[in-house]
Structures are given as C-alpha cells and as structure tokens.
Protein backbone atom coordinates (compact mmCIF):
# COMPACT_ATOMS: atom_id res chain seq x y z
CA MET A 1 13.73 22.79 20.26
CA GLU A 2 14.94 19.81 18.45
CA THR A 3 14.87 16.05 20.04
CA SER A 4 18.28 14.11 20.51
CA SER A 5 18.00 11.17 18.17
CA ALA A 6 20.70 9.24 20.01
CA ARG A 7 19.39 6.38 21.61
CA ALA A 8 20.37 3.91 24.59
CA ILE A 9 21.09 0.44 23.69
CA HIS A 10 19.25 -1.12 26.58
CA ASP A 11 15.74 0.50 27.90
CA PRO A 12 16.96 -0.12 31.59
CA ALA A 13 20.07 2.19 30.73
CA ALA A 14 17.62 5.01 29.44
CA GLU A 15 15.94 4.67 32.65
CA PHE A 16 19.22 5.43 34.72
CA TYR A 17 20.07 8.13 32.43
CA ILE A 18 16.70 9.83 32.66
CA ASP A 19 16.95 9.25 36.51
CA ALA A 20 20.30 10.48 37.17
CA LEU A 21 19.45 13.82 34.72
CA ARG A 22 16.46 14.49 36.95
CA LYS A 23 18.31 13.98 39.95
CA LEU A 24 21.65 15.79 38.77
CA GLN A 25 18.75 18.92 37.80
CA ASP A 26 17.56 18.66 41.31
CA SER A 27 21.42 19.13 42.55
CA GLY A 28 21.21 22.77 41.07
CA ILE A 29 24.74 21.76 40.00
CA PRO A 30 25.08 23.41 36.55
CA PHE A 31 25.78 20.98 33.64
CA LEU A 32 26.06 19.83 30.09
CA VAL A 33 25.19 16.82 28.71
CA GLY A 34 27.49 15.67 25.43
CA GLY A 35 28.66 12.73 24.11
CA ALA A 36 26.17 10.89 21.52
CA PHE A 37 23.27 12.77 22.59
CA ALA A 38 24.80 16.15 21.81
CA PHE A 39 26.42 15.01 18.61
CA SER A 40 23.28 13.41 17.42
CA HIS A 41 21.65 16.82 17.72
CA TYR A 42 24.00 18.57 15.90
CA ALA A 43 24.72 16.00 13.24
CA HIS A 44 21.42 14.56 12.89
CA VAL A 45 23.25 11.13 12.67
CA PRO A 46 21.29 8.42 15.27
CA ARG A 47 23.59 7.07 17.27
CA ASN A 48 23.71 4.16 19.94
CA THR A 49 25.33 4.59 23.66
CA LYS A 50 26.33 2.89 26.19
CA ASP A 51 26.31 5.54 28.50
CA ILE A 52 25.88 9.26 28.77
CA ASP A 53 28.71 11.78 29.05
CA VAL A 54 27.73 14.73 31.32
CA PHE A 55 30.43 18.05 31.33
CA VAL A 56 30.75 20.43 34.55
CA LYS A 57 33.61 22.40 35.29
CA PRO A 58 36.22 21.27 37.61
CA ASP A 59 35.42 22.81 40.78
CA ASP A 60 31.68 21.48 40.69
CA VAL A 61 33.29 17.64 40.41
CA PRO A 62 33.60 17.07 44.32
CA ARG A 63 30.01 18.19 44.71
CA VAL A 64 28.33 16.10 41.80
CA LEU A 65 30.29 13.12 43.44
CA GLU A 66 29.38 14.11 46.67
CA PHE A 67 25.56 14.26 45.72
CA PHE A 68 25.25 11.31 44.11
CA ALA A 69 26.88 9.54 47.05
CA ARG A 70 24.45 10.69 49.35
CA LEU A 71 22.14 8.80 47.01
CA GLY A 72 23.77 5.67 47.47
CA TYR A 73 25.32 5.52 44.01
CA GLU A 74 29.31 4.39 43.41
CA THR A 75 31.60 7.01 42.46
CA GLU A 76 35.39 7.08 41.37
CA GLN A 77 37.72 9.54 40.14
CA PRO A 78 39.56 7.34 37.94
CA PHE A 79 41.71 9.70 36.06
CA PRO A 80 41.70 13.24 38.25
CA HIS A 81 42.70 15.13 35.38
CA TRP A 82 39.55 15.14 33.26
CA LEU A 83 36.83 12.44 34.35
CA ALA A 84 34.76 11.03 36.95
CA LYS A 85 31.88 8.52 36.98
CA ILE A 86 28.74 7.87 38.86
CA HIS A 87 27.27 4.09 38.42
CA SER A 88 24.12 2.35 39.21
CA GLY A 89 24.66 -1.73 38.67
CA GLY A 90 25.86 -1.73 35.27
CA TYR A 91 24.88 1.36 33.77
CA PHE A 92 27.36 4.58 34.39
CA MET A 93 27.52 8.07 33.72
CA ASP A 94 30.60 9.74 33.36
CA ILE A 95 31.60 13.48 34.41
CA ILE A 96 33.47 15.29 32.34
CA PHE A 97 35.80 18.09 33.23
CA SER A 98 38.15 18.44 30.74
CA SER A 99 39.78 16.36 27.95
CA GLY A 100 41.94 13.10 28.11
CA ASN A 101 44.72 15.41 26.66
CA GLY A 102 44.10 18.19 29.33
CA VAL A 103 43.54 21.00 26.70
CA ALA A 104 39.69 21.12 26.13
CA ARG A 105 38.62 22.13 29.94
CA VAL A 106 35.20 23.12 31.15
CA ASP A 107 35.31 26.74 31.46
CA ASP A 108 32.20 29.33 31.60
CA LEU A 109 32.09 29.58 27.91
CA TRP A 110 30.89 26.47 27.74
CA PHE A 111 27.57 27.15 29.63
CA ASP A 112 27.60 30.88 27.86
CA HIS A 113 26.63 29.27 24.45
CA ALA A 114 25.09 26.13 25.24
CA PRO A 115 21.61 25.12 23.54
CA ARG A 116 18.46 23.46 25.19
CA THR A 117 17.37 20.14 23.74
CA ASN A 118 15.19 17.24 24.53
CA VAL A 119 17.06 13.89 25.76
CA LEU A 120 15.30 10.95 26.52
CA GLY A 121 12.24 13.30 27.41
CA VAL A 122 14.57 15.54 29.76
CA ILE A 123 15.41 19.30 28.45
CA VAL A 124 18.93 19.73 29.28
CA ARG A 125 21.36 22.05 27.84
CA ILE A 126 24.26 20.32 26.18
CA SER A 127 27.72 21.23 24.74
CA PRO A 128 28.03 23.87 22.50
CA VAL A 129 29.08 22.66 18.91
CA GLU A 130 32.28 24.80 18.86
CA GLU A 131 33.57 23.13 21.77
CA MET A 132 32.46 19.39 20.63
CA ILE A 133 34.70 20.65 17.04
CA TRP A 134 37.56 21.50 19.41
CA SER A 135 37.94 18.54 21.53
CA LYS A 136 36.87 15.71 19.05
CA ALA A 137 39.69 17.62 16.87
CA PHE A 138 42.13 15.73 18.67
CA ILE A 139 40.72 12.53 19.01
CA GLN A 140 43.15 10.64 16.38
CA GLU A 141 43.91 7.33 18.21
CA ARG A 142 44.80 3.85 16.47
CA GLU A 143 41.34 2.37 17.74
CA ARG A 144 39.49 5.85 17.91
CA PHE A 145 39.57 8.69 15.22
CA ASP A 146 36.93 11.14 15.83
CA GLY A 147 37.63 13.50 12.28
CA ALA A 148 34.30 11.82 10.78
CA ASP A 149 32.10 13.45 13.65
CA VAL A 150 34.14 16.48 12.99
CA ALA A 151 33.23 16.43 9.54
CA HIS A 152 29.67 15.16 10.06
CA LEU A 153 29.43 18.32 12.64
CA LEU A 154 30.63 20.66 9.77
CA ARG A 155 28.45 19.58 7.25
CA GLU A 156 25.40 20.28 9.58
CA THR A 157 26.47 23.64 11.98
CA GLY A 158 29.36 25.16 9.79
CA PRO A 159 27.47 27.93 8.08
CA SER A 160 26.21 29.25 11.92
CA LEU A 161 29.34 28.10 13.88
CA ASP A 162 30.97 30.83 16.15
CA TRP A 163 33.98 30.65 13.19
CA PRO A 164 36.18 33.41 16.01
CA ARG A 165 35.66 31.47 19.01
CA LEU A 166 36.54 28.51 17.45
CA LEU A 167 39.50 29.57 16.43
CA MET A 168 40.02 31.23 19.96
CA ARG A 169 39.74 27.57 21.50
CA PHE A 170 42.24 26.42 19.16
CA GLY A 171 45.17 29.03 19.88
CA ASP A 172 48.78 27.93 19.41
CA HIS A 173 47.69 24.36 18.11
CA TRP A 174 45.67 25.82 15.01
CA ARG A 175 47.48 23.22 12.70
CA VAL A 176 44.80 20.63 13.95
CA LEU A 177 42.03 22.78 13.05
CA LEU A 178 43.58 23.75 9.31
CA SER A 179 43.76 19.42 8.95
CA GLN A 180 40.47 19.00 9.97
CA LEU A 181 39.22 21.72 7.64
CA ILE A 182 41.41 20.25 4.86
CA LEU A 183 39.70 16.80 5.12
CA PHE A 184 36.38 18.16 5.41
CA GLY A 185 37.00 19.58 2.28
CA PHE A 186 37.78 16.47 0.58
CA THR A 187 35.32 14.47 2.33
CA TYR A 188 32.39 17.40 1.45
CA PRO A 189 33.09 18.73 -2.05
CA ASP A 190 29.37 20.23 -2.40
CA LYS A 191 30.04 21.80 1.67
CA ARG A 192 33.27 23.22 1.25
CA GLN A 193 31.36 26.47 1.16
CA ASN A 194 30.28 25.68 5.04
CA VAL A 195 34.08 27.02 5.96
CA PRO A 196 34.53 30.60 5.63
CA ALA A 197 36.80 31.76 3.04
CA TRP A 198 38.84 34.11 5.61
CA VAL A 199 38.74 31.49 7.96
CA MET A 200 40.85 29.39 5.56
CA GLU A 201 42.77 32.41 4.72
CA GLU A 202 43.54 33.05 7.93
CA LEU A 203 44.83 29.50 8.83
CA ILE A 204 47.08 29.54 5.21
CA ARG A 205 48.38 32.49 6.11
CA ARG A 206 49.51 31.61 9.39
CA LEU A 207 51.04 28.57 7.77
CA SER A 208 52.83 29.95 4.75
CA VAL A 209 54.69 32.61 7.28
CA SER A 210 55.67 29.58 9.66
CA ARG A 211 59.12 28.56 10.20
CA PRO A 212 61.07 25.55 11.67
CA ASN A 213 61.97 26.26 15.59
CA LEU A 214 64.94 23.83 15.59
CA GLN A 215 65.09 24.82 19.26
CA ASN A 216 61.48 23.44 20.24
CA ASP A 217 61.92 19.74 21.57
CA ILE A 218 58.68 19.44 22.50
CA CYS A 219 56.46 16.16 20.74
CA TYR A 220 52.94 17.60 20.20
CA GLY A 221 51.51 13.96 19.26
CA THR A 222 50.74 13.38 22.78
CA LEU A 223 48.10 15.59 22.61
CA LEU A 224 46.62 13.63 19.50
CA SER A 225 47.31 10.12 20.94
CA ARG A 226 48.13 8.92 24.37
CA GLU A 227 49.97 5.95 23.00
CA GLN A 228 51.09 6.35 19.74
CA TYR A 229 53.94 8.46 20.64
CA LEU A 230 55.11 7.34 23.42
CA HIS A 231 58.22 5.87 21.99
CA ASP A 232 59.41 9.63 21.15
CA ILE A 233 59.23 10.61 24.54
CA GLU A 234 60.47 7.73 26.34
CA HIS A 235 63.30 7.01 23.64
CA LEU A 236 63.71 10.01 21.66
CA LYS A 237 63.47 12.09 24.33
CA TYR A 238 61.24 14.77 23.31
CA ARG A 239 59.52 16.89 26.05
CA ASP A 240 55.82 15.69 26.27
CA ALA A 241 53.28 18.70 25.43
CA ARG A 242 50.80 17.39 27.94
CA LEU A 243 53.11 17.92 30.71
CA GLU A 244 52.97 21.62 32.65
CA PRO A 245 54.26 24.25 32.16
CA SER A 246 53.81 23.52 28.04
CA GLY A 247 50.45 21.70 28.98
CA ALA A 248 47.94 21.02 31.83
CA MET A 249 48.64 17.62 33.17
CA THR A 250 51.25 17.08 36.18
CA GLU A 251 53.71 14.07 36.12
CA ALA A 252 51.15 12.19 38.73
CA GLN A 253 48.31 12.31 36.35
CA LEU A 254 50.14 11.64 33.20
CA ALA A 255 51.63 8.18 34.77
CA ILE A 256 47.98 7.07 35.54
CA TRP A 257 46.39 8.09 32.20
CA THR A 258 49.25 6.02 30.66
CA ALA A 259 49.01 2.80 32.78
CA ALA A 260 45.48 2.58 31.70
CA ILE A 261 46.22 2.18 28.01
CA THR A 262 46.81 -1.65 28.82
CA THR A 263 43.56 -1.79 30.61
CA LYS A 264 41.16 -0.06 28.09
CA LYS A 265 38.25 -1.44 25.96
C-alpha cells in the first residue's frame, strides 16, 4: 500500500484534514478521498493542496452535512448539483458528489473499484483512477486545464487501467477521451503503448464513420467550460448540453453555477 505524496500547505490544515477524515470514518458514511491526495498517489507527482476533496454518493450528502453540523462545523451547499463544503476556521473540506458540468456523478462503481492508501497517516479509500481521468478530461477552462493531470495519470497507470470501464464512462462523449489520448501520445512518445491499440482503433473507427448532424443544435462546449461558450448559448442560440434532458442540470442549478463565475478565484 502506497502513501500519497500530496502535502497540506500548512500544518494546522493537515491537522484539520486528519481530524475530519477520522470523524467521517466514525460516521460510517461511505466516502472516498480524491483531489491532490489521490492524484499524487497515482501519478507520483507531489502536490501541495489548500483543501481536501471527499467524494460521496448524492444521497449521502445530507447525512454528511448533518453529521458535521452536529459536531459544530459550519456547512454549506453552494452548488446543489455537485458540491458542498464543511468549514472549521479557515480550513475546509469539499464534499463532492458529481462534477461541475453534471457529467461525472458519483455512483456505486466509484466505490467498487476504489483502492486503499495512506493519506496523512489515515488509511482511506481513494477515487479510482478511471473516474479521475473521466472527470478531469472535461476540465478545460481558460484558467484551468486538467489535461496535464490526465497525461500524468495515463503515463503511470495506462497499462493497468480498466479500459472498457473508461470507455463506458465517456459514453457518447468519447471524442473528449480521444482528444486526451491523442495529446498523451504527443506528450509522451515513449509511452504510447500505454494506450491499448484496440482502444485507439475503436475510437478512430467511431470517428471515421461519424457524420455531421445538421439537426443537432446543442453546444457541447459547455461541458468543457462553464464560461467560454456562454456566447454560443446566449447569442448564437445553441442549446446548452448541460441542461436536462440532454444533460443532468436544471435551469436553477445552471443559474447558480453561472452566477458564481464572477466570484470564482
């Protein structure tokens, strides 16, 4: 069992993380640790972090918030479609149950394939690498692009990945995976064998038989960036791929998520 090489920026923050993880274990609510701690475990890239990401199933979010509220922590759910927070002084823990675009919803498979590791001296389960790649592949904001994280994960874990499950996760959004795999082959020519030939052949086969759909007025760019394709939605009159029934978000959730653009860090 390996130890995550991620580090908390401040020692008191680490103390908060350790205490919060132990309390969450005591609650009996299933959870996974993700973010910098899981990434450094898989990619072997040290990373400092200012918070800790904990993944739970959507139905367990109220239980987590109620549990910590009873212990005197401040709790909030700023984004009802994917994120809650637990605060103690200046430190916080993110409670994640989906992704900002609504695609990577936490389900039983996350837990079925989650390995255990040592995070700050606490033995916990961490997010599976396949689900990390799935969720990170869509993060392509102007100020944040997680493609390098995807490449580092593929470099270290490609030969052992559950590739059928990874393809299943991307589903109809397989072009996003293909684009990341092409960039990976460009970045690491010596590691191109990490992606099985059958995976590339299957994705390129799909690409070769794909034809334009002139009746489809959806812009899928909003799954990659919540800000950079708003012009297309507002002025070019494309439908937003995040919205039901095409996506997982409601109009109210989308309004909250979009309004927060002006206040993001």
